[in-house]
C-alpha atoms as a PDB file:
ATOM      1  CA  UNK A   1      93.044  55.035 109.166  1.00  0.00           C
ATOM      2  CA  UNK A   2      95.931  53.996 107.503  1.00  0.00           C
ATOM      3  CA  UNK A   3      95.319  50.295 107.918  1.00  0.00           C
ATOM      4  CA  UNK A   4      91.159  51.305 107.054  1.00  0.00           C
ATOM      5  CA  UNK A   5      93.129  53.349 103.518  1.00  0.00           C
ATOM      6  CA  UNK A   6      95.353  50.094 102.819  1.00  0.00           C
ATOM      7  CA  UNK A   7      91.715  47.725 103.616  1.00  0.00           C
ATOM      8  CA  UNK A   8      89.914  49.499 101.052  1.00  0.00           C
ATOM      9  CA  UNK A   9      92.716  49.333  98.299  1.00  0.00           C
ATOM     10  CA  UNK A  10      92.903  45.731  98.594  1.00  0.00           C
ATOM     11  CA  UNK A  11      89.332  45.404  97.970  1.00  0.00           C
ATOM     12  CA  UNK A  12      89.106  47.609  95.079  1.00  0.00           C
ATOM     13  CA  UNK A  13      92.212  46.064  94.002  1.00  0.00           C
ATOM     14  CA  UNK A  14      90.351  42.788  94.401  1.00  0.00           C
ATOM     15  CA  UNK A  15      86.972  43.577  92.394  1.00  0.00           C
ATOM     16  CA  UNK A  16      88.760  45.053  89.450  1.00  0.00           C
ATOM     17  CA  UNK A  17      91.093  41.462  89.535  1.00  0.00           C
ATOM     18  CA  UNK A  18      87.216  39.728  89.274  1.00  0.00           C
ATOM     19  CA  UNK A  19      85.410  42.011  86.467  1.00  0.00           C
ATOM     20  CA  UNK A  20      88.884  41.313  84.607  1.00  0.00           C
ATOM     21  CA  UNK A  21      88.748  37.418  84.322  1.00  0.00           C
ATOM     22  CA  UNK A  22      85.424  37.715  84.042  1.00  0.00           C
ATOM     23  CA  UNK A  23      86.002  39.809  81.174  1.00  0.00           C
ATOM     24  CA  UNK A  24      88.532  37.450  80.026  1.00  0.00           C
ATOM     25  CA  UNK A  25      86.452  34.577  80.557  1.00  0.00           C
ATOM     26  CA  UNK A  26      83.419  35.567  78.513  1.00  0.00           C
ATOM     27  CA  UNK A  27      85.794  37.078  75.965  1.00  0.00           C
ATOM     28  CA  UNK A  28      87.517  33.028  75.778  1.00  0.00           C
ATOM     29  CA  UNK A  29      84.044  31.648  75.215  1.00  0.00           C
ATOM     30  CA  UNK A  30      83.113  33.490  72.892  1.00  0.00           C
ATOM     31  CA  UNK A  31      86.633  32.766  70.648  1.00  0.00           C
ATOM     32  CA  UNK A  32      85.989  28.734  70.834  1.00  0.00           C
ATOM     33  CA  UNK A  33      81.370  29.381  70.008  1.00  0.00           C
ATOM     34  CA  UNK A  34      83.072  31.583  67.043  1.00  0.00           C
ATOM     35  CA  UNK A  35      85.783  28.367  66.293  1.00  0.00           C
ATOM     36  CA  UNK A  36      82.991  25.768  66.715  1.00  0.00           C
ATOM     37  CA  UNK A  37      80.992  27.533  64.409  1.00  0.00           C
ATOM     38  CA  UNK A  38      80.619  26.528  60.659  1.00  0.00           C
ATOM     39  CA  UNK A  39      79.106  28.015  57.629  1.00  0.00           C
ATOM     40  CA  UNK A  40      80.277  26.908  54.593  1.00  0.00           C
ATOM     41  CA  UNK A  41      78.422  26.804  51.208  1.00  0.00           C
ATOM     42  CA  UNK A  42      78.940  26.155  47.261  1.00  0.00           C
ATOM     43  CA  UNK A  43      79.467  29.897  46.739  1.00  0.00           C
ATOM     44  CA  UNK A  44      83.189  29.957  48.730  1.00  0.00           C
ATOM     45  CA  UNK A  45      84.720  27.011  46.428  1.00  0.00           C
ATOM     46  CA  UNK A  46      83.995  29.268  43.397  1.00  0.00           C
ATOM     47  CA  UNK A  47      87.453  31.379  43.098  1.00  0.00           C
ATOM     48  CA  UNK A  48      88.983  27.521  43.029  1.00  0.00           C
ATOM     49  CA  UNK A  49      87.082  26.377  40.112  1.00  0.00           C
ATOM     50  CA  UNK A  50      87.074  27.648  36.303  1.00  0.00           C
ATOM     51  CA  UNK A  51      84.754  26.535  33.616  1.00  0.00           C
ATOM     52  CA  UNK A  52      86.157  26.157  30.209  1.00  0.00           C
ATOM     53  CA  UNK A  53      83.858  27.396  27.436  1.00  0.00           C
ATOM     54  CA  UNK A  54      85.164  25.162  24.804  1.00  0.00           C
ATOM     55  CA  UNK A  55      84.817  21.923  26.442  1.00  0.00           C
ATOM     56  CA  UNK A  56      81.937  23.168  29.119  1.00  0.00           C
ATOM     57  CA  UNK A  57      84.704  21.254  31.266  1.00  0.00           C
ATOM     58  CA  UNK A  58      85.790  22.510  35.088  1.00  0.00           C
ATOM     59  CA  UNK A  59      89.627  23.519  35.610  1.00  0.00           C
ATOM     60  CA  UNK A  60      90.667  23.646  39.318  1.00  0.00           C
ATOM     61  CA  UNK A  61      92.572  26.529  39.866  1.00  0.00           C
ATOM     62  CA  UNK A  62      94.271  28.633  42.929  1.00  0.00           C
ATOM     63  CA  UNK A  63      95.235  25.821  44.858  1.00  0.00           C
ATOM     64  CA  UNK A  64      98.960  24.958  44.960  1.00  0.00           C
ATOM     65  CA  UNK A  65      99.552  21.725  46.742  1.00  0.00           C
ATOM     66  CA  UNK A  66      98.132  18.897  44.962  1.00  0.00           C
ATOM     67  CA  UNK A  67      97.845  15.016  46.686  1.00  0.00           C
ATOM     68  CA  UNK A  68      97.738  11.673  44.479  1.00  0.00           C
ATOM     69  CA  UNK A  69      94.333   9.231  46.118  1.00  0.00           C
ATOM     70  CA  UNK A  70      96.014   6.306  47.271  1.00  0.00           C
ATOM     71  CA  UNK A  71      94.061   3.345  46.692  1.00  0.00           C
ATOM     72  CA  UNK A  72      92.464   2.795  49.965  1.00  0.00           C
ATOM     73  CA  UNK A  73      90.803   6.822  49.268  1.00  0.00           C
ATOM     74  CA  UNK A  74      89.876   4.942  45.464  1.00  0.00           C
ATOM     75  CA  UNK A  75      87.563   2.389  46.562  1.00  0.00           C
ATOM     76  CA  UNK A  76      86.374   4.074  49.841  1.00  0.00           C
ATOM     77  CA  UNK A  77      82.928   4.613  49.547  1.00  0.00           C
ATOM     78  CA  UNK A  78      80.858   7.841  48.283  1.00  0.00           C
ATOM     79  CA  UNK A  79      77.382   8.318  49.353  1.00  0.00           C
ATOM     80  CA  UNK A  80      75.425  10.708  47.306  1.00  0.00           C
ATOM     81  CA  UNK A  81      77.423   9.363  43.912  1.00  0.00           C
ATOM     82  CA  UNK A  82      75.041   8.921  41.844  1.00  0.00           C
ATOM     83  CA  UNK A  83      76.417   8.451  38.471  1.00  0.00           C
ATOM     84  CA  UNK A  84      78.918   6.114  40.270  1.00  0.00           C
ATOM     85  CA  UNK A  85      81.574   7.729  38.410  1.00  0.00           C
ATOM     86  CA  UNK A  86      84.583   7.009  40.387  1.00  0.00           C
ATOM     87  CA  UNK A  87      88.083   8.675  41.109  1.00  0.00           C
ATOM     88  CA  UNK A  88      91.223   7.830  38.601  1.00  0.00           C
ATOM     89  CA  UNK A  89      94.634   7.696  39.551  1.00  0.00           C
ATOM     90  CA  UNK A  90      95.095   9.733  36.476  1.00  0.00           C
ATOM     91  CA  UNK A  91      93.971  13.046  38.413  1.00  0.00           C
ATOM     92  CA  UNK A  92      95.308  14.278  41.675  1.00  0.00           C
ATOM     93  CA  UNK A  93      93.133  15.987  44.642  1.00  0.00           C
ATOM     94  CA  UNK A  94      93.071  19.584  45.794  1.00  0.00           C
ATOM     95  CA  UNK A  95      92.369  20.453  49.759  1.00  0.00           C
ATOM     96  CA  UNK A  96      90.303  22.877  49.234  1.00  0.00           C
ATOM     97  CA  UNK A  97      88.610  23.578  53.212  1.00  0.00           C
ATOM     98  CA  UNK A  98      89.522  21.989  56.483  1.00  0.00           C
ATOM     99  CA  UNK A  99      88.213  22.764  59.632  1.00  0.00           C
ATOM    100  CA  UNK A 100      86.878  20.727  62.876  1.00  0.00           C
ATOM    101  CA  UNK A 101      82.963  19.976  63.668  1.00  0.00           C
ATOM    102  CA  UNK A 102      82.520  18.734  67.335  1.00  0.00           C
ATOM    103  CA  UNK A 103      85.610  16.678  67.164  1.00  0.00           C
ATOM    104  CA  UNK A 104      85.133  15.781  63.739  1.00  0.00           C
ATOM    105  CA  UNK A 105      87.689  16.587  61.521  1.00  0.00           C
ATOM    106  CA  UNK A 106      86.451  17.485  58.061  1.00  0.00           C
ATOM    107  CA  UNK A 107      87.874  18.101  55.129  1.00  0.00           C
ATOM    108  CA  UNK A 108      86.510  19.068  51.514  1.00  0.00           C
ATOM    109  CA  UNK A 109      88.675  18.484  48.691  1.00  0.00           C
ATOM    110  CA  UNK A 110      87.983  19.032  44.850  1.00  0.00           C
ATOM    111  CA  UNK A 111      89.288  16.538  42.038  1.00  0.00           C
ATOM    112  CA  UNK A 112      88.430  15.478  38.306  1.00  0.00           C
ATOM    113  CA  UNK A 113      86.865  12.184  37.406  1.00  0.00           C
ATOM    114  CA  UNK A 114      85.607  10.590  34.134  1.00  0.00           C
ATOM    115  CA  UNK A 115      82.823  10.705  32.577  1.00  0.00           C
ATOM    116  CA  UNK A 116      80.712   9.795  29.286  1.00  0.00           C
ATOM    117  CA  UNK A 117      82.758   8.777  26.663  1.00  0.00           C
ATOM    118  CA  UNK A 118      86.302   9.931  29.099  1.00  0.00           C
ATOM    119  CA  UNK A 119      84.860  13.766  29.445  1.00  0.00           C
ATOM    120  CA  UNK A 120      85.844  15.557  32.221  1.00  0.00           C
ATOM    121  CA  UNK A 121      83.549  15.680  35.601  1.00  0.00           C
ATOM    122  CA  UNK A 122      84.370  17.878  38.389  1.00  0.00           C
ATOM    123  CA  UNK A 123      83.769  16.723  42.001  1.00  0.00           C
ATOM    124  CA  UNK A 124      83.358  18.379  45.073  1.00  0.00           C
ATOM    125  CA  UNK A 125      83.764  15.934  48.288  1.00  0.00           C
ATOM    126  CA  UNK A 126      83.615  15.801  52.378  1.00  0.00           C
ATOM    127  CA  UNK A 127      85.464  13.470  53.897  1.00  0.00           C
ATOM    128  CA  UNK A 128      85.027  12.616  57.213  1.00  0.00           C
ATOM    129  CA  UNK A 129      88.281  11.613  60.317  1.00  0.00           C
ATOM    130  CA  UNK A 130      88.418  10.730  63.329  1.00  0.00           C
ATOM    131  CA  UNK A 131      91.856  10.261  64.661  1.00  0.00           C
ATOM    132  CA  UNK A 132      93.042  11.002  61.305  1.00  0.00           C
ATOM    133  CA  UNK A 133      91.229   7.647  59.898  1.00  0.00           C
ATOM    134  CA  UNK A 134      89.167   8.356  57.049  1.00  0.00           C
ATOM    135  CA  UNK A 135      85.384   7.682  58.571  1.00  0.00           C
ATOM    136  CA  UNK A 136      82.776   8.571  55.734  1.00  0.00           C
ATOM    137  CA  UNK A 137      82.829  10.488  52.564  1.00  0.00           C
ATOM    138  CA  UNK A 138      80.182  12.570  50.711  1.00  0.00           C
ATOM    139  CA  UNK A 139      79.272  14.264  46.927  1.00  0.00           C
ATOM    140  CA  UNK A 140      78.749  17.867  47.936  1.00  0.00           C
ATOM    141  CA  UNK A 141      78.355  18.837  44.493  1.00  0.00           C
ATOM    142  CA  UNK A 142      79.783  16.871  40.395  1.00  0.00           C
ATOM    143  CA  UNK A 143      79.251  19.168  37.728  1.00  0.00           C
ATOM    144  CA  UNK A 144      79.354  17.790  33.649  1.00  0.00           C
ATOM    145  CA  UNK A 145      77.513  18.739  30.970  1.00  0.00           C
ATOM    146  CA  UNK A 146      76.737  16.224  28.530  1.00  0.00           C
ATOM    147  CA  UNK A 147      73.093  15.856  26.776  1.00  0.00           C
ATOM    148  CA  UNK A 148      72.163  17.771  30.069  1.00  0.00           C
ATOM    149  CA  UNK A 149      74.144  20.247  31.728  1.00  0.00           C
ATOM    150  CA  UNK A 150      73.711  18.743  35.929  1.00  0.00           C
ATOM    151  CA  UNK A 151      75.527  20.574  39.272  1.00  0.00           C
ATOM    152  CA  UNK A 152      74.694  20.586  42.892  1.00  0.00           C
ATOM    153  CA  UNK A 153      74.778  23.798  45.306  1.00  0.00           C
ATOM    154  CA  UNK A 154      75.314  22.957  48.967  1.00  0.00           C
ATOM    155  CA  UNK A 155      75.601  24.392  52.584  1.00  0.00           C
ATOM    156  CA  UNK A 156      77.354  23.435  55.642  1.00  0.00           C
ATOM    157  CA  UNK A 157      76.023  24.245  58.830  1.00  0.00           C
ATOM    158  CA  UNK A 158      78.013  23.320  61.479  1.00  0.00           C
ATOM    159  CA  UNK A 159      76.840  19.720  61.550  1.00  0.00           C
ATOM    160  CA  UNK A 160      74.056  20.234  58.787  1.00  0.00           C
ATOM    161  CA  UNK A 161      74.671  18.966  55.215  1.00  0.00           C
ATOM    162  CA  UNK A 162      71.862  20.654  53.102  1.00  0.00           C
ATOM    163  CA  UNK A 163      72.742  19.178  48.766  1.00  0.00           C
ATOM    164  CA  UNK A 164      70.989  20.584  45.715  1.00  0.00           C
ATOM    165  CA  UNK A 165      70.581  18.626  42.689  1.00  0.00           C
ATOM    166  CA  UNK A 166      69.981  20.713  40.428  1.00  0.00           C
ATOM    167  CA  UNK A 167      69.589  18.705  36.024  1.00  0.00           C
ATOM    168  CA  UNK A 168      69.216  21.677  32.920  1.00  0.00           C
ATOM    169  CA  UNK A 169      67.809  19.794  29.364  1.00  0.00           C
ATOM    170  CA  UNK A 170      67.947  22.368  26.927  1.00  0.00           C
ATOM    171  CA  UNK A 171      68.441  19.891  23.800  1.00  0.00           C
ATOM    172  CA  UNK A 172      65.670  19.132  21.743  1.00  0.00           C
ATOM    173  CA  UNK A 173      65.841  15.410  20.175  1.00  0.00           C
ATOM    174  CA  UNK A 174      63.703  13.804  17.107  1.00  0.00           C
ATOM    175  CA  UNK A 175      62.123  10.240  17.163  1.00  0.00           C
ATOM    176  CA  UNK A 176      65.286   8.890  16.477  1.00  0.00           C
ATOM    177  CA  UNK A 177      67.037  10.586  19.682  1.00  0.00           C
ATOM    178  CA  UNK A 178      69.149  12.982  16.582  1.00  0.00           C
ATOM    179  CA  UNK A 179      69.892  16.005  18.605  1.00  0.00           C
ATOM    180  CA  UNK A 180      67.941  18.833  16.866  1.00  0.00           C
ATOM    181  CA  UNK A 181      67.545  21.632  17.754  1.00  0.00           C
ATOM    182  CA  UNK A 182      67.272  23.650  21.581  1.00  0.00           C
ATOM    183  CA  UNK A 183      64.544  24.402  23.252  1.00  0.00           C
ATOM    184  CA  UNK A 184      63.514  28.223  24.079  1.00  0.00           C
ATOM    185  CA  UNK A 185      62.794  27.309  27.475  1.00  0.00           C
ATOM    186  CA  UNK A 186      64.977  24.791  29.172  1.00  0.00           C
ATOM    187  CA  UNK A 187      63.528  22.013  31.702  1.00  0.00           C
ATOM    188  CA  UNK A 188      65.003  22.761  34.957  1.00  0.00           C
ATOM    189  CA  UNK A 189      64.746  19.697  37.577  1.00  0.00           C
ATOM    190  CA  UNK A 190      65.870  19.592  41.071  1.00  0.00           C
ATOM    191  CA  UNK A 191      65.995  17.563  44.367  1.00  0.00           C
ATOM    192  CA  UNK A 192      67.218  17.950  47.890  1.00  0.00           C
ATOM    193  CA  UNK A 193      69.218  15.807  50.021  1.00  0.00           C
ATOM    194  CA  UNK A 194      69.745  16.581  53.768  1.00  0.00           C
ATOM    195  CA  UNK A 195      72.846  14.716  55.770  1.00  0.00           C
ATOM    196  CA  UNK A 196      73.780  15.226  59.712  1.00  0.00           C
ATOM    197  CA  UNK A 197      77.084  14.213  60.895  1.00  0.00           C
ATOM    198  CA  UNK A 198      77.108  12.187  63.911  1.00  0.00           C
ATOM    199  CA  UNK A 199      79.230  12.041  66.673  1.00  0.00           C
ATOM    200  CA  UNK A 200      80.739   8.883  64.965  1.00  0.00           C
ATOM    201  CA  UNK A 201      81.974  10.803  62.028  1.00  0.00           C
ATOM    202  CA  UNK A 202      79.268   8.847  59.565  1.00  0.00           C
ATOM    203  CA  UNK A 203      77.220  11.141  57.479  1.00  0.00           C
ATOM    204  CA  UNK A 204      73.185  10.136  58.271  1.00  0.00           C
ATOM    205  CA  UNK A 205      70.389  11.311  56.159  1.00  0.00           C
ATOM    206  CA  UNK A 206      67.578  13.208  57.775  1.00  0.00           C
END
């Protein structure tokens, strides 16, 4: 009788152990899945950006640590840099986000640079690294106001990136090109580009 009770107790303990192990594995899978899920948009960077209403220029706030660009980083090709505003050693950059997607190390950096007539432009750049080596760079956002207001909205969902480019024309010009006022209704133009991050850490157009 004691032998039967002992066997029954052992079977119960083994079953309980398997259930606990199965639950732990399930939880680990859920944690791993959540870590692999990336969902970032322009709104996530709003706390780091402050518009100067007098100069219509963006200042970077809330990120204490700054970094200086190396010569290699300044010269590295930047995709979707439509206006060809190059980096300047006069400005540092700030790291806003770091994450990993399918083995690729990704970093979102924010920095200012020079635009038209040495006015200040705000850029948001996505860098991709493999084994700590910079593989590719994509301009997520570019903000400035000259005669035209320009900005972008972006979203990153795992290995997919979508960028909406927006320009707003609000000024009226005469035949000589002089500003004579503002439009009652602003003209807004937008276009969308999409990229996919491949296994080599490159941003590929879709």
